[in-house]
PDB file of N, CA and C in Angstrom:
ATOM      1  N   MET A   1      57.193-142.437  95.267  1.00  0.00           N
ATOM      2  CA  MET A   1      57.414-142.021  96.632  1.00  0.00           C
ATOM      3  C   MET A   1      58.773-142.494  97.144  1.00  0.00           C
ATOM      4  N   LYS A   2      59.166-143.687  96.796  1.00  0.00           N
ATOM      5  CA  LYS A   2      60.408-144.232  97.339  1.00  0.00           C
ATOM      6  C   LYS A   2      61.642-143.518  96.803  1.00  0.00           C
ATOM      7  N   ARG A   3      61.487-142.774  95.717  1.00  0.00           N
ATOM      8  CA  ARG A   3      62.620-142.049  95.149  1.00  0.00           C
ATOM      9  C   ARG A   3      62.850-140.703  95.826  1.00  0.00           C
ATOM     10  N   LEU A   4      61.884-140.246  96.594  1.00  0.00           N
ATOM     11  CA  LEU A   4      62.025-138.955  97.270  1.00  0.00           C
ATOM     12  C   LEU A   4      63.076-139.044  98.375  1.00  0.00           C
ATOM     13  N   PRO A   5      63.751-137.947  98.651  1.00  0.00           N
ATOM     14  CA  PRO A   5      64.665-137.919  99.797  1.00  0.00           C
ATOM     15  C   PRO A   5      63.906-138.214 101.094  1.00  0.00           C
ATOM     16  N   ARG A   6      64.618-138.664 102.100  1.00  0.00           N
ATOM     17  CA  ARG A   6      64.043-139.134 103.354  1.00  0.00           C
ATOM     18  C   ARG A   6      63.059-138.147 103.977  1.00  0.00           C
ATOM     19  N   MET A   7      63.432-136.892 104.113  1.00  0.00           N
ATOM     20  CA  MET A   7      62.565-135.917 104.783  1.00  0.00           C
ATOM     21  C   MET A   7      61.311-135.619 103.967  1.00  0.00           C
ATOM     22  N   GLU A   8      61.453-135.555 102.661  1.00  0.00           N
ATOM     23  CA  GLU A   8      60.305-135.290 101.800  1.00  0.00           C
ATOM     24  C   GLU A   8      59.323-136.461 101.840  1.00  0.00           C
ATOM     25  N   ARG A   9      59.859-137.671 101.780  1.00  0.00           N
ATOM     26  CA  ARG A   9      59.019-138.866 101.855  1.00  0.00           C
ATOM     27  C   ARG A   9      58.306-138.947 103.204  1.00  0.00           C
ATOM     28  N   PHE A  10      59.040-138.659 104.277  1.00  0.00           N
ATOM     29  CA  PHE A  10      58.458-138.681 105.621  1.00  0.00           C
ATOM     30  C   PHE A  10      57.308-137.684 105.729  1.00  0.00           C
ATOM     31  N   LEU A  11      57.506-136.488 105.216  1.00  0.00           N
ATOM     32  CA  LEU A  11      56.471-135.448 105.270  1.00  0.00           C
ATOM     33  C   LEU A  11      55.197-135.907 104.555  1.00  0.00           C
ATOM     34  N   ILE A  12      55.320-136.404 103.339  1.00  0.00           N
ATOM     35  CA  ILE A  12      54.155-136.841 102.568  1.00  0.00           C
ATOM     36  C   ILE A  12      53.454-138.007 103.267  1.00  0.00           C
ATOM     37  N   GLU A  13      54.232-138.961 103.756  1.00  0.00           N
ATOM     38  CA  GLU A  13      53.629-140.117 104.414  1.00  0.00           C
ATOM     39  C   GLU A  13      52.904-139.724 105.699  1.00  0.00           C
ATOM     40  N   GLU A  14      53.522-138.895 106.508  1.00  0.00           N
ATOM     41  CA  GLU A  14      52.908-138.500 107.774  1.00  0.00           C
ATOM     42  C   GLU A  14      51.699-137.588 107.582  1.00  0.00           C
ATOM     43  N   ARG A  15      51.827-136.643 106.661  1.00  0.00           N
ATOM     44  CA  ARG A  15      50.768-135.635 106.507  1.00  0.00           C
ATOM     45  C   ARG A  15      49.576-136.142 105.719  1.00  0.00           C
ATOM     46  N   TYR A  16      49.823-136.980 104.721  1.00  0.00           N
ATOM     47  CA  TYR A  16      48.747-137.352 103.805  1.00  0.00           C
ATOM     48  C   TYR A  16      48.431-138.839 103.741  1.00  0.00           C
ATOM     49  N   MET A  17      49.319-139.704 104.216  1.00  0.00           N
ATOM     50  CA  MET A  17      49.106-141.128 104.018  1.00  0.00           C
ATOM     51  C   MET A  17      48.972-141.933 105.304  1.00  0.00           C
ATOM     52  N   SER A  18      49.104-141.304 106.454  1.00  0.00           N
ATOM     53  CA  SER A  18      48.984-142.040 107.711  1.00  0.00           C
ATOM     54  C   SER A  18      47.516-142.159 108.128  1.00  0.00           C
ATOM     55  N   GLN A  19      47.252-143.056 109.046  1.00  0.00           N
ATOM     56  CA  GLN A  19      45.878-143.242 109.520  1.00  0.00           C
ATOM     57  C   GLN A  19      45.363-142.004 110.241  1.00  0.00           C
ATOM     58  N   ASP A  20      46.257-141.241 110.844  1.00  0.00           N
ATOM     59  CA  ASP A  20      45.871-140.032 111.580  1.00  0.00           C
ATOM     60  C   ASP A  20      45.879-138.781 110.704  1.00  0.00           C
ATOM     61  N   SER A  21      46.102-138.924 109.425  1.00  0.00           N
ATOM     62  CA  SER A  21      46.323-137.752 108.568  1.00  0.00           C
ATOM     63  C   SER A  21      45.167-136.762 108.570  1.00  0.00           C
ATOM     64  N   GLU A  22      43.944-137.215 108.742  1.00  0.00           N
ATOM     65  CA  GLU A  22      42.827-136.266 108.735  1.00  0.00           C
ATOM     66  C   GLU A  22      42.802-135.399 109.988  1.00  0.00           C
ATOM     67  N   TYR A  23      43.509-135.809 111.030  1.00  0.00           N
ATOM     68  CA  TYR A  23      43.544-135.045 112.273  1.00  0.00           C
ATOM     69  C   TYR A  23      44.807-134.214 112.427  1.00  0.00           C
ATOM     70  N   LEU A  24      45.793-134.501 111.602  1.00  0.00           N
ATOM     71  CA  LEU A  24      47.069-133.803 111.711  1.00  0.00           C
ATOM     72  C   LEU A  24      47.069-132.534 110.873  1.00  0.00           C
ATOM     73  N   THR A  25      47.707-131.520 111.396  1.00  0.00           N
ATOM     74  CA  THR A  25      47.898-130.282 110.656  1.00  0.00           C
ATOM     75  C   THR A  25      49.374-130.159 110.312  1.00  0.00           C
ATOM     76  N   ASP A  26      49.696-129.221 109.440  1.00  0.00           N
ATOM     77  CA  ASP A  26      51.097-128.991 109.120  1.00  0.00           C
ATOM     78  C   ASP A  26      51.880-128.673 110.388  1.00  0.00           C
ATOM     79  N   TYR A  27      51.277-127.899 111.283  1.00  0.00           N
ATOM     80  CA  TYR A  27      51.937-127.538 112.542  1.00  0.00           C
ATOM     81  C   TYR A  27      52.319-128.792 113.336  1.00  0.00           C
ATOM     82  N   ASN A  28      51.405-129.748 113.427  1.00  0.00           N
ATOM     83  CA  ASN A  28      51.696-130.986 114.151  1.00  0.00           C
ATOM     84  C   ASN A  28      52.872-131.734 113.534  1.00  0.00           C
ATOM     85  N   ILE A  29      52.945-131.713 112.234  1.00  0.00           N
ATOM     86  CA  ILE A  29      54.011-132.449 111.556  1.00  0.00           C
ATOM     87  C   ILE A  29      55.364-131.814 111.835  1.00  0.00           C
ATOM     88  N   TYR A  30      55.503-130.513 111.573  1.00  0.00           N
ATOM     89  CA  TYR A  30      56.841-129.927 111.729  1.00  0.00           C
ATOM     90  C   TYR A  30      57.244-129.711 113.174  1.00  0.00           C
ATOM     91  N   ASN A  31      56.300-129.665 114.094  1.00  0.00           N
ATOM     92  CA  ASN A  31      56.644-129.468 115.499  1.00  0.00           C
ATOM     93  C   ASN A  31      56.729-130.764 116.297  1.00  0.00           C
ATOM     94  N   GLN A  32      55.959-131.770 115.919  1.00  0.00           N
ATOM     95  CA  GLN A  32      55.883-132.976 116.747  1.00  0.00           C
ATOM     96  C   GLN A  32      56.363-134.246 116.063  1.00  0.00           C
ATOM     97  N   ARG A  33      56.209-134.347 114.768  1.00  0.00           N
ATOM     98  CA  ARG A  33      56.567-135.595 114.080  1.00  0.00           C
ATOM     99  C   ARG A  33      58.008-135.596 113.577  1.00  0.00           C
ATOM    100  N   PHE A  34      58.491-134.450 113.108  1.00  0.00           N
ATOM    101  CA  PHE A  34      59.890-134.388 112.686  1.00  0.00           C
ATOM    102  C   PHE A  34      60.773-134.480 113.923  1.00  0.00           C
ATOM    103  N   ASN A  35      61.853-135.245 113.803  1.00  0.00           N
ATOM    104  CA  ASN A  35      62.768-135.384 114.919  1.00  0.00           C
ATOM    105  C   ASN A  35      64.175-135.119 114.407  1.00  0.00           C
ATOM    106  N   PRO A  36      64.799-134.002 114.705  1.00  0.00           N
ATOM    107  CA  PRO A  36      64.317-132.892 115.530  1.00  0.00           C
ATOM    108  C   PRO A  36      63.293-132.057 114.764  1.00  0.00           C
ATOM    109  N   PRO A  37      62.492-131.290 115.505  1.00  0.00           N
ATOM    110  CA  PRO A  37      61.498-130.429 114.856  1.00  0.00           C
ATOM    111  C   PRO A  37      62.169-129.442 113.904  1.00  0.00           C
ATOM    112  N   VAL A  38      61.453-129.068 112.858  1.00  0.00           N
ATOM    113  CA  VAL A  38      61.966-128.097 111.891  1.00  0.00           C
ATOM    114  C   VAL A  38      61.128-126.832 111.972  1.00  0.00           C
ATOM    115  N   SER A  39      61.661-125.751 111.444  1.00  0.00           N
ATOM    116  CA  SER A  39      60.912-124.494 111.453  1.00  0.00           C
ATOM    117  C   SER A  39      59.786-124.558 110.432  1.00  0.00           C
ATOM    118  N   GLU A  40      58.833-123.658 110.574  1.00  0.00           N
ATOM    119  CA  GLU A  40      57.708-123.592 109.645  1.00  0.00           C
ATOM    120  C   GLU A  40      58.204-123.333 108.221  1.00  0.00           C
ATOM    121  N   CYS A  41      59.143-122.418 108.089  1.00  0.00           N
ATOM    122  CA  CYS A  41      59.688-122.073 106.775  1.00  0.00           C
ATOM    123  C   CYS A  41      60.359-123.285 106.130  1.00  0.00           C
ATOM    124  N   THR A  42      61.171-123.990 106.884  1.00  0.00           N
ATOM    125  CA  THR A  42      61.853-125.179 106.382  1.00  0.00           C
ATOM    126  C   THR A  42      60.842-126.245 105.983  1.00  0.00           C
ATOM    127  N   TYR A  43      59.815-126.433 106.797  1.00  0.00           N
ATOM    128  CA  TYR A  43      58.773-127.416 106.513  1.00  0.00           C
ATOM    129  C   TYR A  43      58.115-127.138 105.162  1.00  0.00           C
ATOM    130  N   TYR A  44      57.740-125.892 104.926  1.00  0.00           N
ATOM    131  CA  TYR A  44      57.063-125.567 103.672  1.00  0.00           C
ATOM    132  C   TYR A  44      57.991-125.668 102.469  1.00  0.00           C
ATOM    133  N   LYS A  45      59.285-125.447 102.656  1.00  0.00           N
ATOM    134  CA  LYS A  45      60.250-125.661 101.570  1.00  0.00           C
ATOM    135  C   LYS A  45      60.334-127.143 101.223  1.00  0.00           C
ATOM    136  N   ILE A  46      60.404-127.981 102.255  1.00  0.00           N
ATOM    137  CA  ILE A  46      60.458-129.430 102.045  1.00  0.00           C
ATOM    138  C   ILE A  46      59.181-129.903 101.355  1.00  0.00           C
ATOM    139  N   LYS A  47      58.046-129.391 101.814  1.00  0.00           N
ATOM    140  CA  LYS A  47      56.745-129.776 101.250  1.00  0.00           C
ATOM    141  C   LYS A  47      56.658-129.373  99.776  1.00  0.00           C
ATOM    142  N   TRP A  48      57.081-128.150  99.450  1.00  0.00           N
ATOM    143  CA  TRP A  48      57.035-127.683  98.067  1.00  0.00           C
ATOM    144  C   TRP A  48      57.905-128.566  97.179  1.00  0.00           C
ATOM    145  N   LYS A  49      59.123-128.858  97.634  1.00  0.00           N
ATOM    146  CA  LYS A  49      60.030-129.693  96.843  1.00  0.00           C
ATOM    147  C   LYS A  49      59.453-131.088  96.629  1.00  0.00           C
ATOM    148  N   ALA A  50      58.841-131.644  97.663  1.00  0.00           N
ATOM    149  CA  ALA A  50      58.266-132.985  97.556  1.00  0.00           C
ATOM    150  C   ALA A  50      57.147-133.018  96.525  1.00  0.00           C
ATOM    151  N   PHE A  51      56.228-132.065  96.584  1.00  0.00           N
ATOM    152  CA  PHE A  51      55.131-132.037  95.621  1.00  0.00           C
ATOM    153  C   PHE A  51      55.621-131.737  94.217  1.00  0.00           C
ATOM    154  N   TYR A  52      56.630-130.897  94.095  1.00  0.00           N
ATOM    155  CA  TYR A  52      57.188-130.584  92.787  1.00  0.00           C
ATOM    156  C   TYR A  52      57.785-131.839  92.153  1.00  0.00           C
ATOM    157  N   LYS A  53      58.545-132.590  92.940  1.00  0.00           N
ATOM    158  CA  LYS A  53      59.166-133.810  92.434  1.00  0.00           C
ATOM    159  C   LYS A  53      58.119-134.866  92.095  1.00  0.00           C
ATOM    160  N   LEU A  54      57.077-134.969  92.903  1.00  0.00           N
ATOM    161  CA  LEU A  54      55.995-135.909  92.601  1.00  0.00           C
ATOM    162  C   LEU A  54      55.283-135.528  91.309  1.00  0.00           C
ATOM    163  N   ALA A  55      55.029-134.246  91.141  1.00  0.00           N
ATOM    164  CA  ALA A  55      54.370-133.783  89.923  1.00  0.00           C
ATOM    165  C   ALA A  55      55.222-134.088  88.692  1.00  0.00           C
ATOM    166  N   LEU A  56      56.511-133.872  88.777  1.00  0.00           N
ATOM    167  CA  LEU A  56      57.398-134.186  87.660  1.00  0.00           C
ATOM    168  C   LEU A  56      57.393-135.685  87.364  1.00  0.00           C
ATOM    169  N   ALA A  57      57.448-136.493  88.417  1.00  0.00           N
ATOM    170  CA  ALA A  57      57.460-137.946  88.232  1.00  0.00           C
ATOM    171  C   ALA A  57      56.157-138.445  87.613  1.00  0.00           C
ATOM    172  N   LEU A  58      55.058-137.794  87.925  1.00  0.00           N
ATOM    173  CA  LEU A  58      53.752-138.186  87.388  1.00  0.00           C
ATOM    174  C   LEU A  58      53.428-137.482  86.078  1.00  0.00           C
ATOM    175  N   ASP A  59      54.350-136.656  85.621  1.00  0.00           N
ATOM    176  CA  ASP A  59      54.198-135.892  84.387  1.00  0.00           C
ATOM    177  C   ASP A  59      52.949-135.008  84.423  1.00  0.00           C
ATOM    178  N   ILE A  60      52.751-134.332  85.564  1.00  0.00           N
ATOM    179  CA  ILE A  60      51.618-133.410  85.698  1.00  0.00           C
ATOM    180  C   ILE A  60      52.085-132.021  86.104  1.00  0.00           C
ATOM    181  N   GLN A  61      53.319-131.695  85.761  1.00  0.00           N
ATOM    182  CA  GLN A  61      53.846-130.395  86.122  1.00  0.00           C
ATOM    183  C   GLN A  61      53.098-129.286  85.397  1.00  0.00           C
ATOM    184  N   VAL A  62      53.055-128.142  86.025  1.00  0.00           N
ATOM    185  CA  VAL A  62      52.424-126.965  85.451  1.00  0.00           C
ATOM    186  C   VAL A  62      53.530-125.972  85.134  1.00  0.00           C
ATOM    187  N   VAL A  63      53.531-125.483  83.918  1.00  0.00           N
ATOM    188  CA  VAL A  63      54.545-124.535  83.497  1.00  0.00           C
ATOM    189  C   VAL A  63      53.924-123.156  83.483  1.00  0.00           C
ATOM    190  N   LYS A  64      54.515-122.252  84.224  1.00  0.00           N
ATOM    191  CA  LYS A  64      54.023-120.881  84.278  1.00  0.00           C
ATOM    192  C   LYS A  64      54.747-120.075  83.208  1.00  0.00           C
ATOM    193  N   ARG A  65      53.982-119.434  82.346  1.00  0.00           N
ATOM    194  CA  ARG A  65      54.566-118.607  81.303  1.00  0.00           C
ATOM    195  C   ARG A  65      54.613-117.165  81.759  1.00  0.00           C
ATOM    196  N   ASP A  66      55.602-116.429  81.260  1.00  0.00           N
ATOM    197  CA  ASP A  66      55.698-115.000  81.548  1.00  0.00           C
ATOM    198  C   ASP A  66      54.573-114.272  80.841  1.00  0.00           C
ATOM    199  N   GLU A  67      54.165-113.131  81.403  1.00  0.00           N
ATOM    200  CA  GLU A  67      53.150-112.320  80.744  1.00  0.00           C
ATOM    201  C   GLU A  67      53.650-111.889  79.379  1.00  0.00           C
ATOM    202  N   GLY A  68      52.763-111.932  78.430  1.00  0.00           N
ATOM    203  CA  GLY A  68      53.126-111.516  77.079  1.00  0.00           C
ATOM    204  C   GLY A  68      53.689-112.640  76.234  1.00  0.00           C
ATOM    205  N   GLU A  69      54.137-113.688  76.842  1.00  0.00           N
ATOM    206  CA  GLU A  69      54.698-114.805  76.105  1.00  0.00           C
ATOM    207  C   GLU A  69      53.562-115.571  75.425  1.00  0.00           C
ATOM    208  N   GLY A  70      53.661-115.724  74.163  1.00  0.00           N
ATOM    209  CA  GLY A  70      52.637-116.459  73.433  1.00  0.00           C
ATOM    210  C   GLY A  70      51.447-115.606  73.014  1.00  0.00           C
ATOM    211  N   ASP A  71      51.461-114.324  73.373  1.00  0.00           N
ATOM    212  CA  ASP A  71      50.376-113.446  72.940  1.00  0.00           C
ATOM    213  C   ASP A  71      50.446-113.245  71.440  1.00  0.00           C
ATOM    214  N   THR A  72      49.289-113.156  70.818  1.00  0.00           N
ATOM    215  CA  THR A  72      49.246-112.913  69.387  1.00  0.00           C
ATOM    216  C   THR A  72      48.570-111.596  69.097  1.00  0.00           C
ATOM    217  N   LYS A  73      48.436-110.731  70.101  1.00  0.00           N
ATOM    218  CA  LYS A  73      47.803-109.429  69.902  1.00  0.00           C
ATOM    219  C   LYS A  73      48.631-108.609  68.925  1.00  0.00           C
ATOM    220  N   GLY A  74      47.941-107.902  68.073  1.00  0.00           N
ATOM    221  CA  GLY A  74      48.616-107.020  67.140  1.00  0.00           C
ATOM    222  C   GLY A  74      49.103-107.727  65.892  1.00  0.00           C
ATOM    223  N   ASP A  75      48.886-109.019  65.786  1.00  0.00           N
ATOM    224  CA  ASP A  75      49.316-109.744  64.581  1.00  0.00           C
ATOM    225  C   ASP A  75      48.260-109.704  63.520  1.00  0.00           C
TER     226      ASP A  75
END
């Protein structure tokens, strides 16, 4: 967590790790907790990047393969 950029770390801590987290919604975070408030689109970009980086750090990333890649049909 400490390696994440400031905004990403703040988002994860406020949304998922604070005492009020069960009562907070994403809307509350990007409109009331961020200073200055950020747009919904920006919030979800920050959130995606934060979870992606956490997944990589924990070695639990999911790799999406293209359709047809790895198929053995017709062999």
